[in-house]
Amino acid sequence: MRNFVSLHVRTQDASAVRALAQALRTPGLTLYVVPDTPWYSLYDEGLEAGEDPEALLRALLEASRLGRAAVFWVQEDEGLFWALAEGGRVLYRSAAGMEDRPDAREGALPADLDPAAVAAAEKGQPKTAAARALGALLGLHPDHAVVGFGDLLELDEESALPEEVWILEDAHEPELHLERPLMEEDHAGG
């Protein structure tokens, strides 16, 4: 069973995506960005670990200031929360099969999306198939819709990440090398 969260934004402004990623990333945690212009996919350790719909919507709204944005949260491959936003406002959101969340649809789809095709995609099982189909309807690479932070972390640990992935994390403190052993006063500030 899979749980994952992914955030996507369609824009031509790579520097704005970098700034967005820096603003969204929780200090101490990692965020990956996969550019596939015109889409950029953000996989955030904090968003995925938190599984908080309100935090997902806040991130979606920030991303939507750059262009059309979508967020997918798949829970145990049986539940799907997804939303679409543009211009700093949520256009449409849907939850189906999520624990502690009623199935619901709110808002209106943009004119370039066929409501019947979206409804059929939302019904897909398992929910990774639904996210893949919805991603394709948006023009997003379907595989990017079904990747989560954990997937990229595993690739990173295996040194198998593609070169084009941006990794945003805290800078590591340089190691302290001393020519002499530490003395008690070094710890006491003296």
N, C-alpha and C. Protein backbone atom coordinates (compact mmCIF):
# COMPACT_ATOMS: atom_id res chain seq x y z
N MET A 1 0.83 -1.18 0.00
CA MET A 1 0.00 0.00 0.00
C MET A 1 0.88 1.25 0.00
N ARG A 2 0.50 2.23 -0.78
CA ARG A 2 1.33 3.42 -0.93
C ARG A 2 0.66 4.66 -0.39
N ASN A 3 1.45 5.48 0.27
CA ASN A 3 1.07 6.83 0.69
C ASN A 3 2.08 7.77 0.07
N PHE A 4 1.62 8.85 -0.53
CA PHE A 4 2.55 9.85 -1.03
C PHE A 4 1.81 11.15 -1.29
N VAL A 5 2.59 12.22 -1.36
CA VAL A 5 2.09 13.56 -1.67
C VAL A 5 2.99 14.14 -2.75
N SER A 6 2.38 14.78 -3.75
CA SER A 6 3.15 15.50 -4.76
C SER A 6 2.44 16.79 -5.11
N LEU A 7 3.24 17.82 -5.38
CA LEU A 7 2.75 19.15 -5.73
C LEU A 7 3.36 19.52 -7.07
N HIS A 8 2.58 20.09 -7.96
CA HIS A 8 3.03 20.37 -9.31
C HIS A 8 2.59 21.77 -9.72
N VAL A 9 3.45 22.46 -10.46
CA VAL A 9 3.10 23.79 -10.96
C VAL A 9 3.56 23.92 -12.41
N ARG A 10 2.71 24.53 -13.23
CA ARG A 10 3.04 24.75 -14.64
C ARG A 10 3.43 26.21 -14.82
N THR A 11 4.70 26.42 -15.18
CA THR A 11 5.23 27.76 -15.37
C THR A 11 6.48 27.68 -16.24
N GLN A 12 6.87 28.82 -16.78
CA GLN A 12 8.13 28.90 -17.53
C GLN A 12 9.24 29.51 -16.68
N ASP A 13 8.93 29.89 -15.44
CA ASP A 13 9.86 30.63 -14.59
C ASP A 13 10.56 29.71 -13.58
N ALA A 14 11.69 29.14 -13.99
CA ALA A 14 12.43 28.21 -13.14
C ALA A 14 12.92 28.88 -11.86
N SER A 15 13.34 30.14 -11.94
CA SER A 15 13.85 30.81 -10.74
C SER A 15 12.72 31.03 -9.73
N ALA A 16 11.51 31.27 -10.21
CA ALA A 16 10.37 31.41 -9.29
C ALA A 16 10.05 30.08 -8.62
N VAL A 17 10.24 28.98 -9.34
CA VAL A 17 10.02 27.66 -8.75
C VAL A 17 11.05 27.40 -7.67
N ARG A 18 12.31 27.77 -7.93
CA ARG A 18 13.35 27.62 -6.89
C ARG A 18 12.99 28.41 -5.64
N ALA A 19 12.53 29.65 -5.83
CA ALA A 19 12.14 30.48 -4.69
C ALA A 19 10.95 29.88 -3.96
N LEU A 20 9.98 29.35 -4.70
CA LEU A 20 8.82 28.69 -4.10
C LEU A 20 9.28 27.49 -3.27
N ALA A 21 10.15 26.67 -3.84
CA ALA A 21 10.64 25.48 -3.14
C ALA A 21 11.35 25.87 -1.85
N GLN A 22 12.17 26.91 -1.90
CA GLN A 22 12.86 27.37 -0.68
C GLN A 22 11.86 27.85 0.36
N ALA A 23 10.81 28.55 -0.08
CA ALA A 23 9.81 29.06 0.85
C ALA A 23 8.97 27.94 1.47
N LEU A 24 8.68 26.91 0.70
CA LEU A 24 7.84 25.80 1.19
C LEU A 24 8.59 24.83 2.09
N ARG A 25 9.87 24.63 1.82
CA ARG A 25 10.65 23.61 2.53
C ARG A 25 10.76 23.93 4.01
N THR A 26 10.52 22.94 4.83
CA THR A 26 10.68 23.05 6.27
C THR A 26 12.16 22.92 6.60
N PRO A 27 12.73 23.87 7.39
CA PRO A 27 14.15 23.74 7.76
C PRO A 27 14.41 22.38 8.40
N GLY A 28 15.53 21.78 8.02
CA GLY A 28 15.89 20.47 8.54
C GLY A 28 15.35 19.32 7.70
N LEU A 29 14.46 19.62 6.77
CA LEU A 29 13.89 18.58 5.92
C LEU A 29 14.30 18.83 4.46
N THR A 30 14.05 17.88 3.61
CA THR A 30 14.47 17.94 2.21
C THR A 30 13.26 18.11 1.30
N LEU A 31 13.48 18.81 0.20
CA LEU A 31 12.48 18.97 -0.84
C LEU A 31 13.17 18.73 -2.18
N TYR A 32 12.57 17.89 -3.01
CA TYR A 32 13.09 17.60 -4.34
C TYR A 32 12.21 18.31 -5.37
N VAL A 33 12.82 18.83 -6.43
CA VAL A 33 12.08 19.42 -7.55
C VAL A 33 12.51 18.68 -8.82
N VAL A 34 11.51 18.19 -9.55
CA VAL A 34 11.78 17.53 -10.83
C VAL A 34 11.24 18.42 -11.94
N PRO A 35 12.14 19.10 -12.68
CA PRO A 35 11.67 19.94 -13.78
C PRO A 35 11.34 19.10 -15.01
N ASP A 36 10.19 19.35 -15.59
CA ASP A 36 9.78 18.74 -16.85
C ASP A 36 8.92 19.78 -17.55
N THR A 37 9.58 20.86 -17.98
CA THR A 37 8.87 22.03 -18.47
C THR A 37 7.80 21.67 -19.51
N PRO A 38 6.64 22.30 -19.33
CA PRO A 38 6.38 23.46 -18.50
C PRO A 38 6.01 23.13 -17.05
N TRP A 39 6.00 21.86 -16.69
CA TRP A 39 5.65 21.46 -15.32
C TRP A 39 6.89 21.28 -14.46
N TYR A 40 6.74 21.61 -13.19
CA TYR A 40 7.74 21.35 -12.16
C TYR A 40 7.03 20.59 -11.05
N SER A 41 7.60 19.47 -10.65
CA SER A 41 7.00 18.64 -9.60
C SER A 41 7.83 18.78 -8.33
N LEU A 42 7.16 19.07 -7.22
CA LEU A 42 7.82 19.26 -5.93
C LEU A 42 7.42 18.13 -5.00
N TYR A 43 8.43 17.51 -4.41
CA TYR A 43 8.22 16.40 -3.49
C TYR A 43 8.83 16.81 -2.16
N ASP A 44 7.99 17.15 -1.21
CA ASP A 44 8.41 17.78 0.04
C ASP A 44 8.27 16.81 1.21
N GLU A 45 9.37 16.59 1.90
CA GLU A 45 9.37 15.69 3.05
C GLU A 45 8.36 16.13 4.10
N GLY A 46 8.28 17.42 4.37
CA GLY A 46 7.37 17.93 5.38
C GLY A 46 5.91 17.74 5.01
N LEU A 47 5.56 18.06 3.77
CA LEU A 47 4.17 17.89 3.33
C LEU A 47 3.76 16.43 3.35
N GLU A 48 4.67 15.56 2.90
CA GLU A 48 4.33 14.14 2.86
C GLU A 48 4.18 13.56 4.26
N ALA A 49 5.08 13.93 5.15
CA ALA A 49 5.03 13.40 6.51
C ALA A 49 3.82 13.93 7.28
N GLY A 50 3.45 15.18 7.01
CA GLY A 50 2.36 15.80 7.75
C GLY A 50 0.98 15.29 7.38
N GLU A 51 0.80 14.89 6.12
CA GLU A 51 -0.50 14.43 5.65
C GLU A 51 -1.63 15.34 6.14
N ASP A 52 -1.43 16.65 5.98
CA ASP A 52 -2.37 17.66 6.45
C ASP A 52 -3.01 18.35 5.25
N PRO A 53 -4.31 18.11 5.00
CA PRO A 53 -4.96 18.71 3.84
C PRO A 53 -4.87 20.24 3.81
N GLU A 54 -4.93 20.88 4.96
CA GLU A 54 -4.85 22.35 4.99
C GLU A 54 -3.45 22.82 4.60
N ALA A 55 -2.42 22.13 5.05
CA ALA A 55 -1.05 22.47 4.65
C ALA A 55 -0.87 22.24 3.15
N LEU A 56 -1.46 21.17 2.64
CA LEU A 56 -1.39 20.90 1.20
C LEU A 56 -2.05 22.03 0.41
N LEU A 57 -3.20 22.49 0.88
CA LEU A 57 -3.90 23.57 0.19
C LEU A 57 -3.11 24.87 0.26
N ARG A 58 -2.47 25.16 1.39
CA ARG A 58 -1.64 26.37 1.48
C ARG A 58 -0.48 26.31 0.49
N ALA A 59 0.18 25.15 0.40
CA ALA A 59 1.27 24.98 -0.55
C ALA A 59 0.75 25.10 -1.98
N LEU A 60 -0.40 24.52 -2.24
CA LEU A 60 -1.01 24.60 -3.57
C LEU A 60 -1.29 26.05 -3.95
N LEU A 61 -1.85 26.81 -3.02
CA LEU A 61 -2.16 28.22 -3.30
C LEU A 61 -0.89 29.02 -3.60
N GLU A 62 0.17 28.76 -2.84
CA GLU A 62 1.45 29.44 -3.12
C GLU A 62 1.95 29.09 -4.51
N ALA A 63 1.91 27.82 -4.85
CA ALA A 63 2.37 27.37 -6.17
C ALA A 63 1.51 27.98 -7.28
N SER A 64 0.22 28.12 -7.03
CA SER A 64 -0.70 28.61 -8.07
C SER A 64 -0.48 30.08 -8.41
N ARG A 65 0.30 30.78 -7.62
CA ARG A 65 0.63 32.17 -7.95
C ARG A 65 1.61 32.22 -9.14
N LEU A 66 2.24 31.06 -9.43
CA LEU A 66 3.17 30.98 -10.56
C LEU A 66 2.50 30.46 -11.83
N GLY A 67 1.36 29.80 -11.69
CA GLY A 67 0.65 29.20 -12.83
C GLY A 67 -0.31 28.15 -12.32
N ARG A 68 -0.84 27.35 -13.22
CA ARG A 68 -1.75 26.28 -12.79
C ARG A 68 -0.98 25.32 -11.89
N ALA A 69 -1.61 24.91 -10.79
CA ALA A 69 -0.96 24.02 -9.84
C ALA A 69 -1.92 22.91 -9.42
N ALA A 70 -1.35 21.76 -9.13
CA ALA A 70 -2.14 20.60 -8.69
C ALA A 70 -1.40 19.92 -7.55
N VAL A 71 -2.17 19.33 -6.65
CA VAL A 71 -1.60 18.53 -5.57
C VAL A 71 -2.33 17.19 -5.55
N PHE A 72 -1.55 16.12 -5.31
CA PHE A 72 -2.10 14.77 -5.18
C PHE A 72 -1.64 14.18 -3.86
N TRP A 73 -2.58 13.61 -3.11
CA TRP A 73 -2.26 12.88 -1.89
C TRP A 73 -2.97 11.54 -1.99
N VAL A 74 -2.19 10.48 -2.13
CA VAL A 74 -2.74 9.13 -2.18
C VAL A 74 -2.49 8.48 -0.83
N GLN A 75 -3.54 7.90 -0.28
CA GLN A 75 -3.47 7.29 1.05
C GLN A 75 -3.79 5.80 0.93
N GLU A 76 -2.80 4.98 1.24
CA GLU A 76 -2.96 3.52 1.24
C GLU A 76 -3.48 3.00 -0.09
N ASP A 77 -3.25 3.71 -1.16
CA ASP A 77 -3.71 3.34 -2.51
C ASP A 77 -5.22 3.19 -2.60
N GLU A 78 -5.94 3.59 -1.56
CA GLU A 78 -7.40 3.48 -1.55
C GLU A 78 -8.08 4.84 -1.46
N GLY A 79 -7.32 5.86 -1.04
CA GLY A 79 -7.89 7.20 -0.91
C GLY A 79 -7.11 8.19 -1.75
N LEU A 80 -7.82 9.17 -2.30
CA LEU A 80 -7.18 10.19 -3.11
C LEU A 80 -7.77 11.56 -2.78
N PHE A 81 -6.91 12.46 -2.38
CA PHE A 81 -7.26 13.88 -2.28
C PHE A 81 -6.47 14.58 -3.36
N TRP A 82 -7.13 15.36 -4.18
CA TRP A 82 -6.41 16.14 -5.17
C TRP A 82 -7.12 17.47 -5.35
N ALA A 83 -6.34 18.48 -5.74
CA ALA A 83 -6.90 19.81 -5.92
C ALA A 83 -6.15 20.52 -7.03
N LEU A 84 -6.85 21.48 -7.63
CA LEU A 84 -6.33 22.26 -8.74
C LEU A 84 -6.53 23.73 -8.40
N ALA A 85 -5.51 24.56 -8.65
CA ALA A 85 -5.60 25.98 -8.33
C ALA A 85 -4.90 26.81 -9.40
N GLU A 86 -5.32 28.05 -9.51
CA GLU A 86 -4.67 29.04 -10.38
C GLU A 86 -4.86 30.41 -9.76
N GLY A 87 -3.85 31.26 -9.97
CA GLY A 87 -3.98 32.65 -9.54
C GLY A 87 -4.21 32.83 -8.05
N GLY A 88 -3.71 31.92 -7.24
CA GLY A 88 -3.86 32.06 -5.79
C GLY A 88 -5.21 31.63 -5.25
N ARG A 89 -5.99 30.91 -6.06
CA ARG A 89 -7.28 30.41 -5.53
C ARG A 89 -7.53 28.98 -6.00
N VAL A 90 -8.15 28.20 -5.12
CA VAL A 90 -8.49 26.82 -5.44
C VAL A 90 -9.67 26.82 -6.40
N LEU A 91 -9.52 26.12 -7.52
CA LEU A 91 -10.61 26.00 -8.49
C LEU A 91 -11.47 24.78 -8.19
N TYR A 92 -10.80 23.68 -7.83
CA TYR A 92 -11.49 22.40 -7.69
C TYR A 92 -10.72 21.54 -6.71
N ARG A 93 -11.45 20.79 -5.90
CA ARG A 93 -10.80 19.78 -5.06
C ARG A 93 -11.74 18.62 -4.87
N SER A 94 -11.12 17.46 -4.66
CA SER A 94 -11.89 16.23 -4.55
C SER A 94 -11.21 15.32 -3.54
N ALA A 95 -12.02 14.66 -2.72
CA ALA A 95 -11.53 13.65 -1.78
C ALA A 95 -12.39 12.42 -1.95
N ALA A 96 -11.75 11.27 -2.07
CA ALA A 96 -12.48 10.01 -2.21
C ALA A 96 -11.72 8.91 -1.47
N GLY A 97 -12.41 8.22 -0.56
CA GLY A 97 -11.83 7.08 0.13
C GLY A 97 -10.77 7.43 1.17
N MET A 98 -10.68 8.69 1.58
CA MET A 98 -9.68 9.11 2.56
C MET A 98 -10.18 8.80 3.97
N GLU A 99 -9.27 8.31 4.82
CA GLU A 99 -9.63 8.09 6.22
C GLU A 99 -10.06 9.41 6.86
N ASP A 100 -11.11 9.38 7.64
CA ASP A 100 -11.58 10.55 8.40
C ASP A 100 -11.94 11.73 7.52
N ARG A 101 -12.20 11.53 6.24
CA ARG A 101 -12.60 12.62 5.36
C ARG A 101 -13.76 12.11 4.50
N PRO A 102 -14.85 12.85 4.47
CA PRO A 102 -15.95 12.41 3.62
C PRO A 102 -15.60 12.57 2.14
N ASP A 103 -16.17 11.70 1.32
CA ASP A 103 -16.00 11.86 -0.12
C ASP A 103 -16.72 13.15 -0.52
N ALA A 104 -16.03 13.99 -1.25
CA ALA A 104 -16.62 15.28 -1.62
C ALA A 104 -15.89 15.87 -2.82
N ARG A 105 -16.64 16.65 -3.58
CA ARG A 105 -16.08 17.44 -4.67
C ARG A 105 -16.55 18.87 -4.48
N GLU A 106 -15.62 19.82 -4.64
CA GLU A 106 -15.97 21.24 -4.48
C GLU A 106 -15.34 22.04 -5.61
N GLY A 107 -16.07 23.05 -6.07
CA GLY A 107 -15.53 23.95 -7.08
C GLY A 107 -15.87 23.51 -8.49
N ALA A 108 -15.26 24.22 -9.44
CA ALA A 108 -15.51 23.95 -10.85
C ALA A 108 -14.19 23.74 -11.57
N LEU A 109 -14.20 22.80 -12.49
CA LEU A 109 -13.01 22.54 -13.30
C LEU A 109 -12.86 23.64 -14.35
N PRO A 110 -11.63 23.96 -14.72
CA PRO A 110 -11.43 24.92 -15.81
C PRO A 110 -12.04 24.36 -17.11
N ALA A 111 -12.34 25.25 -18.04
CA ALA A 111 -13.02 24.88 -19.29
C ALA A 111 -12.22 23.90 -20.13
N ASP A 112 -10.88 23.87 -19.98
CA ASP A 112 -10.07 22.97 -20.80
C ASP A 112 -10.03 21.53 -20.28
N LEU A 113 -10.70 21.27 -19.17
CA LEU A 113 -10.77 19.90 -18.64
C LEU A 113 -12.19 19.37 -18.77
N ASP A 114 -12.31 18.17 -19.33
CA ASP A 114 -13.59 17.52 -19.52
C ASP A 114 -14.07 16.92 -18.20
N PRO A 115 -15.18 17.42 -17.65
CA PRO A 115 -15.67 16.90 -16.36
C PRO A 115 -15.90 15.38 -16.36
N ALA A 116 -16.38 14.82 -17.46
CA ALA A 116 -16.62 13.37 -17.51
C ALA A 116 -15.30 12.61 -17.45
N ALA A 117 -14.28 13.12 -18.13
CA ALA A 117 -12.97 12.46 -18.11
C ALA A 117 -12.35 12.55 -16.72
N VAL A 118 -12.50 13.70 -16.07
CA VAL A 118 -11.98 13.86 -14.71
C VAL A 118 -12.70 12.92 -13.75
N ALA A 119 -14.04 12.85 -13.85
CA ALA A 119 -14.82 11.96 -12.97
C ALA A 119 -14.40 10.50 -13.18
N ALA A 120 -14.19 10.10 -14.42
CA ALA A 120 -13.76 8.73 -14.70
C ALA A 120 -12.37 8.47 -14.13
N ALA A 121 -11.47 9.45 -14.27
CA ALA A 121 -10.11 9.30 -13.73
C ALA A 121 -10.15 9.19 -12.21
N GLU A 122 -10.97 10.00 -11.57
CA GLU A 122 -11.07 9.99 -10.10
C GLU A 122 -11.52 8.63 -9.57
N LYS A 123 -12.30 7.91 -10.35
CA LYS A 123 -12.81 6.60 -9.92
C LYS A 123 -11.78 5.49 -10.07
N GLY A 124 -10.65 5.76 -10.72
CA GLY A 124 -9.64 4.74 -10.97
C GLY A 124 -9.19 4.03 -9.70
N GLN A 125 -8.90 2.75 -9.84
CA GLN A 125 -8.41 1.93 -8.73
C GLN A 125 -7.19 1.15 -9.22
N PRO A 126 -6.16 1.01 -8.44
CA PRO A 126 -5.93 1.69 -7.17
C PRO A 126 -5.79 3.20 -7.41
N LYS A 127 -5.72 3.96 -6.35
CA LYS A 127 -5.73 5.41 -6.48
C LYS A 127 -4.46 5.95 -7.13
N THR A 128 -3.39 5.15 -7.18
CA THR A 128 -2.23 5.59 -7.97
C THR A 128 -2.63 5.67 -9.45
N ALA A 129 -3.48 4.77 -9.91
CA ALA A 129 -3.96 4.82 -11.29
C ALA A 129 -4.80 6.07 -11.51
N ALA A 130 -5.60 6.45 -10.52
CA ALA A 130 -6.41 7.67 -10.63
C ALA A 130 -5.50 8.90 -10.72
N ALA A 131 -4.48 8.97 -9.86
CA ALA A 131 -3.56 10.12 -9.89
C ALA A 131 -2.83 10.18 -11.23
N ARG A 132 -2.41 9.03 -11.72
CA ARG A 132 -1.71 8.97 -13.02
C ARG A 132 -2.63 9.51 -14.13
N ALA A 133 -3.88 9.07 -14.14
CA ALA A 133 -4.83 9.51 -15.18
C ALA A 133 -5.11 11.01 -15.06
N LEU A 134 -5.27 11.50 -13.84
CA LEU A 134 -5.51 12.94 -13.65
C LEU A 134 -4.31 13.75 -14.09
N GLY A 135 -3.12 13.28 -13.76
CA GLY A 135 -1.91 13.97 -14.21
C GLY A 135 -1.86 14.07 -15.73
N ALA A 136 -2.19 12.99 -16.41
CA ALA A 136 -2.19 12.99 -17.87
C ALA A 136 -3.20 13.99 -18.41
N LEU A 137 -4.38 14.08 -17.79
CA LEU A 137 -5.39 15.04 -18.23
C LEU A 137 -4.90 16.48 -18.10
N LEU A 138 -4.05 16.72 -17.11
CA LEU A 138 -3.51 18.07 -16.89
C LEU A 138 -2.33 18.38 -17.82
N GLY A 139 -1.80 17.37 -18.49
CA GLY A 139 -0.62 17.56 -19.32
C GLY A 139 0.67 17.34 -18.56
N LEU A 140 0.54 16.84 -17.34
CA LEU A 140 1.66 16.51 -16.48
C LEU A 140 2.10 15.09 -16.83
N HIS A 141 3.39 14.83 -16.78
CA HIS A 141 3.85 13.45 -17.03
C HIS A 141 3.19 12.54 -16.00
N PRO A 142 2.45 11.54 -16.42
CA PRO A 142 1.71 10.69 -15.46
C PRO A 142 2.58 10.08 -14.38
N ASP A 143 3.82 9.72 -14.71
CA ASP A 143 4.70 9.14 -13.70
C ASP A 143 5.02 10.12 -12.59
N HIS A 144 5.07 11.41 -12.90
CA HIS A 144 5.39 12.40 -11.88
C HIS A 144 4.25 12.55 -10.87
N ALA A 145 3.05 12.24 -11.29
CA ALA A 145 1.90 12.34 -10.38
C ALA A 145 1.88 11.23 -9.34
N VAL A 146 2.61 10.15 -9.59
CA VAL A 146 2.56 9.00 -8.68
C VAL A 146 3.88 8.73 -7.97
N VAL A 147 4.73 9.73 -7.95
CA VAL A 147 5.99 9.65 -7.21
C VAL A 147 5.79 10.43 -5.92
N GLY A 148 6.42 10.00 -4.88
CA GLY A 148 6.38 10.72 -3.62
C GLY A 148 7.78 11.00 -3.12
N PHE A 149 7.87 11.72 -2.01
CA PHE A 149 9.17 12.05 -1.43
C PHE A 149 9.98 10.79 -1.15
N GLY A 150 9.34 9.78 -0.58
CA GLY A 150 10.05 8.55 -0.24
C GLY A 150 10.68 7.87 -1.44
N ASP A 151 10.00 7.95 -2.58
CA ASP A 151 10.55 7.36 -3.81
C ASP A 151 11.85 8.05 -4.21
N LEU A 152 11.85 9.39 -4.17
CA LEU A 152 13.05 10.13 -4.55
C LEU A 152 14.14 9.98 -3.50
N LEU A 153 13.77 9.90 -2.24
CA LEU A 153 14.77 9.69 -1.19
C LEU A 153 15.49 8.36 -1.42
N GLU A 154 14.74 7.33 -1.76
CA GLU A 154 15.35 6.03 -2.03
C GLU A 154 16.31 6.11 -3.21
N LEU A 155 15.90 6.79 -4.29
CA LEU A 155 16.79 6.96 -5.44
C LEU A 155 18.03 7.75 -5.07
N ASP A 156 17.85 8.77 -4.23
CA ASP A 156 18.97 9.61 -3.79
C ASP A 156 19.96 8.77 -2.98
N GLU A 157 19.45 7.95 -2.07
CA GLU A 157 20.32 7.12 -1.25
C GLU A 157 21.07 6.09 -2.08
N GLU A 158 20.49 5.67 -3.21
CA GLU A 158 21.14 4.71 -4.10
C GLU A 158 21.99 5.40 -5.16
N SER A 159 22.10 6.75 -5.07
CA SER A 159 22.81 7.55 -6.07
C SER A 159 22.26 7.31 -7.48
N ALA A 160 20.94 7.14 -7.56
CA ALA A 160 20.31 6.86 -8.84
C ALA A 160 19.37 7.98 -9.30
N LEU A 161 19.46 9.16 -8.66
CA LEU A 161 18.62 10.28 -9.08
C LEU A 161 19.08 10.79 -10.44
N PRO A 162 18.12 11.14 -11.30
CA PRO A 162 18.52 11.78 -12.55
C PRO A 162 19.21 13.12 -12.26
N GLU A 163 20.08 13.56 -13.15
CA GLU A 163 20.84 14.80 -12.94
C GLU A 163 19.96 16.03 -12.80
N GLU A 164 18.80 16.05 -13.48
CA GLU A 164 17.99 17.25 -13.51
C GLU A 164 17.18 17.48 -12.23
N VAL A 165 17.23 16.61 -11.27
CA VAL A 165 16.50 16.79 -10.01
C VAL A 165 17.23 17.81 -9.15
N TRP A 166 16.47 18.78 -8.63
CA TRP A 166 17.03 19.76 -7.70
C TRP A 166 16.78 19.25 -6.29
N ILE A 167 17.80 19.28 -5.45
CA ILE A 167 17.67 18.84 -4.06
C ILE A 167 17.86 20.05 -3.18
N LEU A 168 16.85 20.38 -2.39
CA LEU A 168 16.93 21.51 -1.47
C LEU A 168 16.95 20.97 -0.05
N GLU A 169 18.04 21.25 0.64
CA GLU A 169 18.19 20.81 2.02
C GLU A 169 19.10 21.78 2.74
N ASP A 170 19.15 21.67 4.05
CA ASP A 170 20.03 22.54 4.82
C ASP A 170 21.47 22.27 4.47
N ALA A 171 22.27 23.34 4.45
CA ALA A 171 23.71 23.17 4.25
C ALA A 171 24.27 22.47 5.48
N HIS A 172 25.18 21.56 5.24
CA HIS A 172 25.79 20.85 6.36
C HIS A 172 26.89 21.71 6.96
N GLU A 173 26.95 21.68 8.26
CA GLU A 173 28.01 22.41 8.95
C GLU A 173 29.35 21.75 8.66
N PRO A 174 30.38 22.54 8.39
CA PRO A 174 31.68 21.91 8.15
C PRO A 174 32.18 21.24 9.43
N GLU A 175 32.91 20.16 9.23
CA GLU A 175 33.46 19.46 10.39
C GLU A 175 34.56 20.32 11.01
N LEU A 176 34.66 20.27 12.30
CA LEU A 176 35.67 21.02 13.03
C LEU A 176 36.87 20.12 13.25
N HIS A 177 38.00 20.53 12.71
CA HIS A 177 39.24 19.77 12.89
C HIS A 177 40.19 20.60 13.74
N LEU A 178 40.59 20.04 14.85
CA LEU A 178 41.51 20.74 15.75
C LEU A 178 42.84 20.02 15.79
N GLU A 179 43.88 20.80 15.97
CA GLU A 179 45.23 20.22 16.05
C GLU A 179 45.51 19.66 17.45
N ARG A 180 44.67 20.05 18.41
CA ARG A 180 44.88 19.58 19.78
C ARG A 180 43.59 18.98 20.30
N PRO A 181 43.66 18.13 21.29
CA PRO A 181 42.43 17.56 21.84
C PRO A 181 41.60 18.66 22.51
N LEU A 182 40.29 18.45 22.52
CA LEU A 182 39.40 19.40 23.21
C LEU A 182 39.67 19.41 24.70
N MET A 183 39.72 20.58 25.27
CA MET A 183 39.93 20.72 26.70
C MET A 183 38.58 21.06 27.34
N GLU A 184 38.48 20.86 28.63
CA GLU A 184 37.27 21.14 29.36
C GLU A 184 36.81 22.57 29.13
N GLU A 185 37.76 23.54 29.10
CA GLU A 185 37.38 24.95 28.92
C GLU A 185 36.82 25.22 27.52
N ASP A 186 37.15 24.38 26.53
CA ASP A 186 36.57 24.56 25.21
C ASP A 186 35.07 24.37 25.25
N HIS A 187 34.58 23.49 26.08
CA HIS A 187 33.15 23.24 26.21
C HIS A 187 32.48 24.29 27.06
N ALA A 188 33.21 24.88 27.96
CA ALA A 188 32.62 25.86 28.88
C ALA A 188 32.68 27.26 28.30
N GLY A 189 33.21 27.42 27.09
CA GLY A 189 33.27 28.74 26.47
C GLY A 189 34.45 29.55 26.95
N GLY A 190 35.43 28.95 27.62
CA GLY A 190 36.53 29.72 28.18
C GLY A 190 37.81 29.59 27.49
